[in-house]
Amino acid sequence: MQEISFADASKDLQSLIESAIKGEEIVITKDNKPVVKLMPISPVRQDRKAGSAKGLVTISDDFDEPIADFEDYLQ
């Protein structure tokens, strides 16, 4: 998070907006008190990474075997 004074923000608003669009949170202060927060309206999209959950999910060997309690329903 970046804090910037109102006076400095008014001089460089365009670059602050660009930074906010990229996901940076910017707080504008006046008299050393936060008054405005710049942030993107929609969340910054993170690209998916194939295989990032590899090893986190396991399936047991008997996954597709009938459940003993349901034998009456399988006939």
N, C-alpha and C. Protein backbone atom coordinates (compact mmCIF):
# COMPACT_ATOMS: atom_id res chain seq x y z
N MET A 1 0.84 -1.17 0.00
CA MET A 1 0.00 0.00 0.00
C MET A 1 0.90 1.24 0.00
N GLN A 2 0.50 2.17 -0.84
CA GLN A 2 1.28 3.41 -0.96
C GLN A 2 0.43 4.56 -0.41
N GLU A 3 1.02 5.39 0.43
CA GLU A 3 0.35 6.59 0.93
C GLU A 3 0.98 7.81 0.28
N ILE A 4 0.12 8.73 -0.14
CA ILE A 4 0.60 9.93 -0.81
C ILE A 4 -0.29 11.10 -0.39
N SER A 5 0.31 12.26 -0.27
CA SER A 5 -0.47 13.43 0.15
C SER A 5 -1.38 13.89 -0.98
N PHE A 6 -2.42 14.61 -0.61
CA PHE A 6 -3.38 15.13 -1.57
C PHE A 6 -2.70 16.02 -2.60
N ALA A 7 -1.80 16.88 -2.15
CA ALA A 7 -1.10 17.80 -3.05
C ALA A 7 -0.26 17.03 -4.06
N ASP A 8 0.49 16.01 -3.59
CA ASP A 8 1.32 15.22 -4.49
C ASP A 8 0.46 14.37 -5.44
N ALA A 9 -0.65 13.88 -4.94
CA ALA A 9 -1.53 13.04 -5.76
C ALA A 9 -2.13 13.84 -6.91
N SER A 10 -2.48 15.10 -6.65
CA SER A 10 -3.08 15.92 -7.70
C SER A 10 -2.09 16.21 -8.83
N LYS A 11 -0.81 16.19 -8.52
CA LYS A 11 0.22 16.43 -9.54
C LYS A 11 0.45 15.19 -10.41
N ASP A 12 0.23 14.01 -9.85
CA ASP A 12 0.61 12.77 -10.54
C ASP A 12 -0.54 11.76 -10.57
N LEU A 13 -1.78 12.26 -10.73
CA LEU A 13 -2.95 11.39 -10.65
C LEU A 13 -2.94 10.29 -11.72
N GLN A 14 -2.51 10.60 -12.91
CA GLN A 14 -2.53 9.62 -14.00
C GLN A 14 -1.67 8.39 -13.66
N SER A 15 -0.48 8.58 -13.16
CA SER A 15 0.36 7.42 -12.83
C SER A 15 -0.18 6.67 -11.62
N LEU A 16 -0.81 7.39 -10.69
CA LEU A 16 -1.43 6.71 -9.54
C LEU A 16 -2.58 5.82 -9.99
N ILE A 17 -3.38 6.32 -10.92
CA ILE A 17 -4.49 5.50 -11.45
C ILE A 17 -3.95 4.28 -12.16
N GLU A 18 -2.89 4.44 -12.94
CA GLU A 18 -2.28 3.29 -13.63
C GLU A 18 -1.78 2.26 -12.62
N SER A 19 -1.18 2.70 -11.54
CA SER A 19 -0.71 1.79 -10.50
C SER A 19 -1.87 1.05 -9.85
N ALA A 20 -2.97 1.77 -9.61
CA ALA A 20 -4.15 1.14 -9.01
C ALA A 20 -4.74 0.10 -9.94
N ILE A 21 -4.77 0.37 -11.22
CA ILE A 21 -5.30 -0.59 -12.20
C ILE A 21 -4.47 -1.87 -12.18
N LYS A 22 -3.18 -1.74 -11.93
CA LYS A 22 -2.31 -2.92 -11.89
C LYS A 22 -2.41 -3.69 -10.58
N GLY A 23 -3.21 -3.15 -9.62
CA GLY A 23 -3.43 -3.88 -8.38
C GLY A 23 -2.86 -3.25 -7.14
N GLU A 24 -2.13 -2.16 -7.28
CA GLU A 24 -1.56 -1.51 -6.10
C GLU A 24 -2.64 -0.69 -5.40
N GLU A 25 -2.65 -0.73 -4.09
CA GLU A 25 -3.61 0.05 -3.31
C GLU A 25 -2.94 1.36 -2.92
N ILE A 26 -3.61 2.47 -3.24
CA ILE A 26 -3.03 3.78 -2.99
C ILE A 26 -3.97 4.56 -2.08
N VAL A 27 -3.44 5.11 -0.99
CA VAL A 27 -4.22 5.91 -0.06
C VAL A 27 -3.75 7.35 -0.17
N ILE A 28 -4.72 8.24 -0.40
CA ILE A 28 -4.41 9.66 -0.49
C ILE A 28 -4.77 10.29 0.85
N THR A 29 -3.84 11.07 1.39
CA THR A 29 -4.04 11.67 2.71
C THR A 29 -4.18 13.19 2.60
N LYS A 30 -4.91 13.75 3.54
CA LYS A 30 -5.02 15.20 3.66
C LYS A 30 -4.88 15.53 5.14
N ASP A 31 -3.98 16.41 5.46
CA ASP A 31 -3.64 16.73 6.85
C ASP A 31 -3.26 15.47 7.63
N ASN A 32 -2.48 14.61 6.96
CA ASN A 32 -1.99 13.34 7.53
C ASN A 32 -3.08 12.36 7.92
N LYS A 33 -4.27 12.51 7.35
CA LYS A 33 -5.36 11.57 7.60
C LYS A 33 -5.80 10.97 6.26
N PRO A 34 -5.99 9.66 6.21
CA PRO A 34 -6.44 9.05 4.95
C PRO A 34 -7.84 9.53 4.58
N VAL A 35 -8.00 9.95 3.30
CA VAL A 35 -9.30 10.44 2.85
C VAL A 35 -9.82 9.70 1.63
N VAL A 36 -8.92 9.13 0.82
CA VAL A 36 -9.33 8.45 -0.42
C VAL A 36 -8.44 7.23 -0.61
N LYS A 37 -9.08 6.15 -1.10
CA LYS A 37 -8.31 4.96 -1.44
C LYS A 37 -8.54 4.65 -2.93
N LEU A 38 -7.46 4.55 -3.68
CA LEU A 38 -7.54 4.17 -5.09
C LEU A 38 -7.27 2.69 -5.20
N MET A 39 -8.17 1.97 -5.85
CA MET A 39 -7.97 0.55 -6.10
C MET A 39 -8.84 0.16 -7.28
N PRO A 40 -8.49 -0.91 -7.99
CA PRO A 40 -9.28 -1.29 -9.17
C PRO A 40 -10.68 -1.74 -8.76
N ILE A 41 -11.66 -1.48 -9.61
CA ILE A 41 -13.04 -1.89 -9.33
C ILE A 41 -13.15 -3.40 -9.35
N SER A 42 -12.60 -4.02 -10.36
CA SER A 42 -12.62 -5.49 -10.41
C SER A 42 -11.25 -6.00 -9.98
N PRO A 43 -11.22 -7.17 -9.36
CA PRO A 43 -9.93 -7.70 -8.91
C PRO A 43 -8.97 -7.90 -10.08
N VAL A 44 -7.71 -7.74 -9.79
CA VAL A 44 -6.69 -7.97 -10.81
C VAL A 44 -6.67 -9.46 -11.12
N ARG A 45 -6.78 -9.79 -12.37
CA ARG A 45 -6.86 -11.19 -12.79
C ARG A 45 -5.48 -11.84 -12.71
N GLN A 46 -5.44 -12.94 -12.00
CA GLN A 46 -4.21 -13.72 -11.92
C GLN A 46 -4.28 -14.83 -12.97
N ASP A 47 -3.24 -14.97 -13.77
CA ASP A 47 -3.22 -16.03 -14.75
C ASP A 47 -3.13 -17.39 -14.06
N ARG A 48 -3.87 -18.34 -14.60
CA ARG A 48 -3.82 -19.69 -14.04
C ARG A 48 -2.50 -20.35 -14.39
N LYS A 49 -2.08 -21.21 -13.51
CA LYS A 49 -0.85 -21.94 -13.76
C LYS A 49 -1.17 -23.42 -13.72
N ALA A 50 -1.07 -24.07 -14.86
CA ALA A 50 -1.39 -25.49 -14.95
C ALA A 50 -0.49 -26.31 -14.03
N GLY A 51 -1.11 -27.22 -13.29
CA GLY A 51 -0.36 -28.11 -12.41
C GLY A 51 -0.03 -27.53 -11.06
N SER A 52 -0.57 -26.37 -10.73
CA SER A 52 -0.21 -25.74 -9.46
C SER A 52 -0.75 -26.49 -8.24
N ALA A 53 -1.74 -27.37 -8.43
CA ALA A 53 -2.30 -28.14 -7.30
C ALA A 53 -1.81 -29.59 -7.32
N LYS A 54 -0.83 -29.89 -8.15
CA LYS A 54 -0.34 -31.25 -8.26
C LYS A 54 0.13 -31.76 -6.90
N GLY A 55 -0.36 -32.95 -6.53
CA GLY A 55 0.02 -33.57 -5.28
C GLY A 55 -0.86 -33.18 -4.10
N LEU A 56 -1.77 -32.21 -4.30
CA LEU A 56 -2.64 -31.78 -3.21
C LEU A 56 -3.93 -32.60 -3.14
N VAL A 57 -4.30 -33.24 -4.24
CA VAL A 57 -5.54 -34.01 -4.30
C VAL A 57 -5.19 -35.46 -4.56
N THR A 58 -5.77 -36.36 -3.76
CA THR A 58 -5.56 -37.79 -3.98
C THR A 58 -6.90 -38.49 -4.04
N ILE A 59 -6.95 -39.55 -4.81
CA ILE A 59 -8.15 -40.37 -4.94
C ILE A 59 -7.78 -41.78 -4.48
N SER A 60 -8.58 -42.31 -3.58
CA SER A 60 -8.28 -43.64 -3.04
C SER A 60 -8.48 -44.71 -4.12
N ASP A 61 -7.82 -45.85 -3.94
CA ASP A 61 -7.89 -46.93 -4.92
C ASP A 61 -9.31 -47.48 -5.08
N ASP A 62 -10.12 -47.44 -4.02
CA ASP A 62 -11.47 -47.99 -4.10
C ASP A 62 -12.52 -46.91 -4.37
N PHE A 63 -12.14 -45.84 -4.99
CA PHE A 63 -13.04 -44.71 -5.24
C PHE A 63 -14.31 -45.12 -5.98
N ASP A 64 -14.18 -45.96 -6.98
CA ASP A 64 -15.35 -46.34 -7.79
C ASP A 64 -16.02 -47.65 -7.35
N GLU A 65 -15.64 -48.16 -6.21
CA GLU A 65 -16.27 -49.38 -5.68
C GLU A 65 -17.61 -49.01 -5.03
N PRO A 66 -18.60 -49.90 -5.12
CA PRO A 66 -19.89 -49.63 -4.48
C PRO A 66 -19.74 -49.51 -2.96
N ILE A 67 -20.55 -48.65 -2.36
CA ILE A 67 -20.54 -48.47 -0.91
C ILE A 67 -21.40 -49.57 -0.30
N ALA A 68 -20.90 -50.22 0.74
CA ALA A 68 -21.57 -51.37 1.34
C ALA A 68 -23.00 -51.03 1.78
N ASP A 69 -23.23 -49.85 2.32
CA ASP A 69 -24.55 -49.48 2.80
C ASP A 69 -25.58 -49.31 1.68
N PHE A 70 -25.14 -49.23 0.44
CA PHE A 70 -26.05 -49.00 -0.67
C PHE A 70 -26.29 -50.24 -1.53
N GLU A 71 -25.87 -51.39 -1.06
CA GLU A 71 -26.02 -52.62 -1.85
C GLU A 71 -27.49 -52.89 -2.21
N ASP A 72 -28.42 -52.58 -1.30
CA ASP A 72 -29.85 -52.82 -1.58
C ASP A 72 -30.34 -51.96 -2.75
N TYR A 73 -29.78 -50.82 -2.95
CA TYR A 73 -30.21 -49.92 -4.01
C TYR A 73 -29.61 -50.25 -5.36
N LEU A 74 -28.58 -51.06 -5.39
CA LEU A 74 -27.86 -51.35 -6.62
C LEU A 74 -28.42 -52.56 -7.36
N GLN A 75 -29.44 -53.20 -6.85
CA GLN A 75 -29.98 -54.39 -7.50
C GLN A 75 -31.08 -54.08 -8.47
